[in-house]
Amino acid sequence: MLRLHLVRHAHAVDLADDAARPLSARGREQVRQLGKFLRRTEAFQPEQIWHSPLVRARETATLLARSLRLDAPLVLTPGLAPEDDPRPVARRLRAAAGCIAIVGHEPHLSALASLLLRGRAAPPAVVMRKCAALTLEGAGRHWLVRWHVSPELFA
């Protein structure tokens, strides 16, 4: 059985080079608030934190781990870019156990969650707002939503 936390990156600045967009001051504050919320609940204890190669996802993962004082390694993971096909990551997750967090992007995260929950990526079963967190539990083809929080709940 795997507990999977999906976290969309926080608000980022606008730049022509999409991959290089860092978090904005607003985004850093969103991550601090999410970390504070999750620390109170003790509901977020991943053994690894996978993130996309884009700067805003790596920064979100780093700040969240720091805020929660997690020892979980940050793992740069291919296949987590916004437009990547979610099927390779879903196959990898179906064979995993323990607890993993993925910090990524839309529409990839919603497609991944939908694929795990319903067996198809579109139309999306969920939509991830910036700095939202969704937790699923499952194994193989059987997945359930455990909880989902959006920034307006912890701001």
C-alpha atoms as a PDB file:
ATOM      1  CA  MET A   1       0.000   0.000   0.000  1.00  0.00           C
ATOM      2  CA  LEU A   2       1.262   3.457  -0.913  1.00  0.00           C
ATOM      3  CA  ARG A   3       0.289   6.779   0.593  1.00  0.00           C
ATOM      4  CA  LEU A   4       0.822   9.391  -2.112  1.00  0.00           C
ATOM      5  CA  HIS A   5       0.849  13.132  -1.476  1.00  0.00           C
ATOM      6  CA  LEU A   6       0.446  15.298  -4.574  1.00  0.00           C
ATOM      7  CA  VAL A   7       1.397  18.961  -4.111  1.00  0.00           C
ATOM      8  CA  ARG A   8       1.158  21.600  -6.798  1.00  0.00           C
ATOM      9  CA  HIS A   9       3.928  24.190  -6.731  1.00  0.00           C
ATOM     10  CA  ALA A  10       3.119  27.547  -5.182  1.00  0.00           C
ATOM     11  CA  HIS A  11       2.695  30.871  -7.004  1.00  0.00           C
ATOM     12  CA  ALA A  12       5.683  31.742  -9.210  1.00  0.00           C
ATOM     13  CA  VAL A  13       6.918  34.879 -10.947  1.00  0.00           C
ATOM     14  CA  ASP A  14       6.318  35.332 -14.668  1.00  0.00           C
ATOM     15  CA  LEU A  15       9.362  34.791 -16.886  1.00  0.00           C
ATOM     16  CA  ALA A  16       9.828  34.033 -20.561  1.00  0.00           C
ATOM     17  CA  ASP A  17      11.794  30.892 -19.623  1.00  0.00           C
ATOM     18  CA  ASP A  18       9.082  28.764 -17.993  1.00  0.00           C
ATOM     19  CA  ALA A  19      11.517  26.223 -16.531  1.00  0.00           C
ATOM     20  CA  ALA A  20      13.442  28.952 -14.672  1.00  0.00           C
ATOM     21  CA  ARG A  21      10.451  30.600 -12.957  1.00  0.00           C
ATOM     22  CA  PRO A  22      11.149  30.876  -9.204  1.00  0.00           C
ATOM     23  CA  LEU A  23       8.526  31.209  -6.493  1.00  0.00           C
ATOM     24  CA  SER A  24       7.236  34.692  -5.842  1.00  0.00           C
ATOM     25  CA  ALA A  25       7.056  36.199  -2.348  1.00  0.00           C
ATOM     26  CA  ARG A  26       3.377  35.191  -2.373  1.00  0.00           C
ATOM     27  CA  GLY A  27       4.352  31.630  -3.318  1.00  0.00           C
ATOM     28  CA  ARG A  28       6.921  31.354  -0.523  1.00  0.00           C
ATOM     29  CA  GLU A  29       4.246  32.526   1.920  1.00  0.00           C
ATOM     30  CA  GLN A  30       1.790  29.945   0.542  1.00  0.00           C
ATOM     31  CA  VAL A  31       4.331  27.172   1.196  1.00  0.00           C
ATOM     32  CA  ARG A  32       4.961  28.455   4.738  1.00  0.00           C
ATOM     33  CA  GLN A  33       1.216  28.422   5.431  1.00  0.00           C
ATOM     34  CA  LEU A  34       0.807  24.916   3.969  1.00  0.00           C
ATOM     35  CA  GLY A  35       3.734  23.707   6.069  1.00  0.00           C
ATOM     36  CA  LYS A  36       2.256  25.254   9.208  1.00  0.00           C
ATOM     37  CA  PHE A  37      -1.120  23.622   8.485  1.00  0.00           C
ATOM     38  CA  LEU A  38       0.394  20.201   7.791  1.00  0.00           C
ATOM     39  CA  ARG A  39       2.664  20.369  10.843  1.00  0.00           C
ATOM     40  CA  ARG A  40      -0.412  20.723  13.083  1.00  0.00           C
ATOM     41  CA  THR A  41      -2.088  17.696  11.510  1.00  0.00           C
ATOM     42  CA  GLU A  42       0.979  15.420  11.258  1.00  0.00           C
ATOM     43  CA  ALA A  43      -0.708  14.071   8.102  1.00  0.00           C
ATOM     44  CA  PHE A  44       2.278  14.631   5.791  1.00  0.00           C
ATOM     45  CA  GLN A  45       5.249  12.362   6.506  1.00  0.00           C
ATOM     46  CA  PRO A  46       6.713  11.256   3.156  1.00  0.00           C
ATOM     47  CA  GLU A  47       9.778   9.034   2.975  1.00  0.00           C
ATOM     48  CA  GLN A  48      10.781  10.712  -0.312  1.00  0.00           C
ATOM     49  CA  ILE A  49       9.782  13.930  -2.043  1.00  0.00           C
ATOM     50  CA  TRP A  50       9.871  13.676  -5.822  1.00  0.00           C
ATOM     51  CA  HIS A  51       9.875  16.945  -7.771  1.00  0.00           C
ATOM     52  CA  SER A  52      10.019  18.081 -11.361  1.00  0.00           C
ATOM     53  CA  PRO A  53      13.126  19.751 -12.789  1.00  0.00           C
ATOM     54  CA  LEU A  54      11.369  23.139 -12.941  1.00  0.00           C
ATOM     55  CA  VAL A  55      12.661  25.674 -10.421  1.00  0.00           C
ATOM     56  CA  ARG A  56       9.289  26.478  -8.832  1.00  0.00           C
ATOM     57  CA  ALA A  57       8.595  22.804  -8.033  1.00  0.00           C
ATOM     58  CA  ARG A  58      12.057  22.259  -6.539  1.00  0.00           C
ATOM     59  CA  GLU A  59      11.695  25.413  -4.418  1.00  0.00           C
ATOM     60  CA  THR A  60       8.236  24.359  -3.224  1.00  0.00           C
ATOM     61  CA  ALA A  61       9.573  20.905  -2.266  1.00  0.00           C
ATOM     62  CA  THR A  62      12.591  22.388  -0.484  1.00  0.00           C
ATOM     63  CA  LEU A  63      10.604  24.964   1.495  1.00  0.00           C
ATOM     64  CA  LEU A  64       7.917  22.442   2.443  1.00  0.00           C
ATOM     65  CA  ALA A  65      10.480  19.892   3.668  1.00  0.00           C
ATOM     66  CA  ARG A  66      12.266  22.598   5.647  1.00  0.00           C
ATOM     67  CA  SER A  67       9.015  23.929   7.137  1.00  0.00           C
ATOM     68  CA  LEU A  68       8.004  20.435   8.276  1.00  0.00           C
ATOM     69  CA  ARG A  69      11.531  19.515   9.412  1.00  0.00           C
ATOM     70  CA  LEU A  70      11.417  16.406   7.224  1.00  0.00           C
ATOM     71  CA  ASP A  71      14.406  14.148   6.682  1.00  0.00           C
ATOM     72  CA  ALA A  72      12.924  12.861   3.421  1.00  0.00           C
ATOM     73  CA  PRO A  73      15.315  13.175   0.482  1.00  0.00           C
ATOM     74  CA  LEU A  74      14.349  15.435  -2.403  1.00  0.00           C
ATOM     75  CA  VAL A  75      14.467  13.424  -5.629  1.00  0.00           C
ATOM     76  CA  LEU A  76      14.599  15.088  -9.038  1.00  0.00           C
ATOM     77  CA  THR A  77      12.238  12.835 -10.989  1.00  0.00           C
ATOM     78  CA  PRO A  78      11.739  12.687 -14.749  1.00  0.00           C
ATOM     79  CA  GLY A  79       8.196  12.617 -16.091  1.00  0.00           C
ATOM     80  CA  LEU A  80       6.759  15.310 -13.792  1.00  0.00           C
ATOM     81  CA  ALA A  81       6.762  18.307 -16.164  1.00  0.00           C
ATOM     82  CA  PRO A  82       3.422  20.035 -16.798  1.00  0.00           C
ATOM     83  CA  GLU A  83       2.636  18.331 -20.119  1.00  0.00           C
ATOM     84  CA  ASP A  84       4.256  14.935 -19.454  1.00  0.00           C
ATOM     85  CA  ASP A  85       2.232  11.769 -19.933  1.00  0.00           C
ATOM     86  CA  PRO A  86       1.218  10.599 -16.429  1.00  0.00           C
ATOM     87  CA  ARG A  87       1.208   6.881 -17.355  1.00  0.00           C
ATOM     88  CA  PRO A  88       4.934   6.161 -16.715  1.00  0.00           C
ATOM     89  CA  VAL A  89       4.764   7.735 -13.253  1.00  0.00           C
ATOM     90  CA  ALA A  90       1.496   5.906 -12.493  1.00  0.00           C
ATOM     91  CA  ARG A  91       3.105   2.565 -13.431  1.00  0.00           C
ATOM     92  CA  ARG A  92       6.024   3.309 -11.125  1.00  0.00           C
ATOM     93  CA  LEU A  93       3.692   4.278  -8.268  1.00  0.00           C
ATOM     94  CA  ARG A  94       1.484   1.194  -8.649  1.00  0.00           C
ATOM     95  CA  ALA A  95       4.474  -0.937  -7.668  1.00  0.00           C
ATOM     96  CA  ALA A  96       5.625   1.318  -4.797  1.00  0.00           C
ATOM     97  CA  ALA A  97       4.909   1.112  -1.071  1.00  0.00           C
ATOM     98  CA  GLY A  98       5.389   3.429   1.891  1.00  0.00           C
ATOM     99  CA  CYS A  99       4.822   7.160   1.544  1.00  0.00           C
ATOM    100  CA  ILE A 100       5.894   9.414  -1.341  1.00  0.00           C
ATOM    101  CA  ALA A 101       5.201  13.081  -2.042  1.00  0.00           C
ATOM    102  CA  ILE A 102       5.268  14.494  -5.561  1.00  0.00           C
ATOM    103  CA  VAL A 103       5.634  18.236  -6.076  1.00  0.00           C
ATOM    104  CA  GLY A 104       4.670  19.137  -9.601  1.00  0.00           C
ATOM    105  CA  HIS A 105       2.428  21.030 -11.988  1.00  0.00           C
ATOM    106  CA  GLU A 106      -0.895  21.223 -13.718  1.00  0.00           C
ATOM    107  CA  PRO A 107      -2.206  19.602 -15.788  1.00  0.00           C
ATOM    108  CA  HIS A 108       0.111  16.680 -14.951  1.00  0.00           C
ATOM    109  CA  LEU A 109      -0.902  16.261 -11.285  1.00  0.00           C
ATOM    110  CA  SER A 110      -4.631  16.233 -12.011  1.00  0.00           C
ATOM    111  CA  ALA A 111      -4.101  13.800 -14.882  1.00  0.00           C
ATOM    112  CA  LEU A 112      -2.002  11.538 -12.638  1.00  0.00           C
ATOM    113  CA  ALA A 113      -4.571  11.591  -9.821  1.00  0.00           C
ATOM    114  CA  SER A 114      -7.394  10.929 -12.285  1.00  0.00           C
ATOM    115  CA  LEU A 115      -5.489   8.059 -13.873  1.00  0.00           C
ATOM    116  CA  LEU A 116      -4.891   6.418 -10.494  1.00  0.00           C
ATOM    117  CA  LEU A 117      -8.444   6.981  -9.246  1.00  0.00           C
ATOM    118  CA  ARG A 118     -10.447   6.213 -12.398  1.00  0.00           C
ATOM    119  CA  GLY A 119      -8.081   4.497 -14.784  1.00  0.00           C
ATOM    120  CA  ARG A 120      -8.085   7.412 -17.232  1.00  0.00           C
ATOM    121  CA  ALA A 121      -6.385  10.796 -17.169  1.00  0.00           C
ATOM    122  CA  ALA A 122      -9.116  12.849 -18.831  1.00  0.00           C
ATOM    123  CA  PRO A 123     -11.403  14.422 -18.084  1.00  0.00           C
ATOM    124  CA  PRO A 124      -9.814  15.276 -14.741  1.00  0.00           C
ATOM    125  CA  ALA A 125     -11.424  13.954 -11.567  1.00  0.00           C
ATOM    126  CA  VAL A 126      -9.669  16.678  -9.533  1.00  0.00           C
ATOM    127  CA  VAL A 127      -8.059  20.026 -10.286  1.00  0.00           C
ATOM    128  CA  MET A 128      -5.056  21.090  -8.232  1.00  0.00           C
ATOM    129  CA  ARG A 129      -4.830  24.772  -7.314  1.00  0.00           C
ATOM    130  CA  LYS A 130      -1.407  26.301  -6.698  1.00  0.00           C
ATOM    131  CA  CYS A 131      -0.018  25.062  -3.379  1.00  0.00           C
ATOM    132  CA  ALA A 132      -2.857  22.563  -2.905  1.00  0.00           C
ATOM    133  CA  ALA A 133      -2.189  19.095  -1.503  1.00  0.00           C
ATOM    134  CA  LEU A 134      -4.064  15.888  -2.309  1.00  0.00           C
ATOM    135  CA  THR A 135      -3.408  12.581  -0.584  1.00  0.00           C
ATOM    136  CA  LEU A 136      -4.281   9.238  -2.138  1.00  0.00           C
ATOM    137  CA  GLU A 137      -3.814   5.715  -0.809  1.00  0.00           C
ATOM    138  CA  GLY A 138      -3.666   2.673  -2.942  1.00  0.00           C
ATOM    139  CA  ALA A 139      -1.973  -0.240  -4.568  1.00  0.00           C
ATOM    140  CA  GLY A 140      -2.174  -1.548  -8.098  1.00  0.00           C
ATOM    141  CA  ARG A 141      -5.378  -0.250  -9.643  1.00  0.00           C
ATOM    142  CA  HIS A 142      -7.258   0.502  -6.392  1.00  0.00           C
ATOM    143  CA  TRP A 143      -6.858   4.059  -5.068  1.00  0.00           C
ATOM    144  CA  LEU A 144      -8.828   6.259  -2.656  1.00  0.00           C
ATOM    145  CA  VAL A 145      -8.748   9.961  -1.805  1.00  0.00           C
ATOM    146  CA  ARG A 146      -7.755  10.456   1.843  1.00  0.00           C
ATOM    147  CA  TRP A 147      -7.772  14.268   1.944  1.00  0.00           C
ATOM    148  CA  HIS A 148      -7.413  17.397  -0.195  1.00  0.00           C
ATOM    149  CA  VAL A 149      -6.608  20.933   0.962  1.00  0.00           C
ATOM    150  CA  SER A 150      -6.366  24.184  -0.988  1.00  0.00           C
ATOM    151  CA  PRO A 151      -4.622  27.400   0.047  1.00  0.00           C
ATOM    152  CA  GLU A 152      -7.806  29.200   1.061  1.00  0.00           C
ATOM    153  CA  LEU A 153      -8.275  26.647   3.874  1.00  0.00           C
ATOM    154  CA  PHE A 154      -4.972  27.355   5.588  1.00  0.00           C
ATOM    155  CA  ALA A 155      -4.319  31.013   4.742  1.00  0.00           C
END
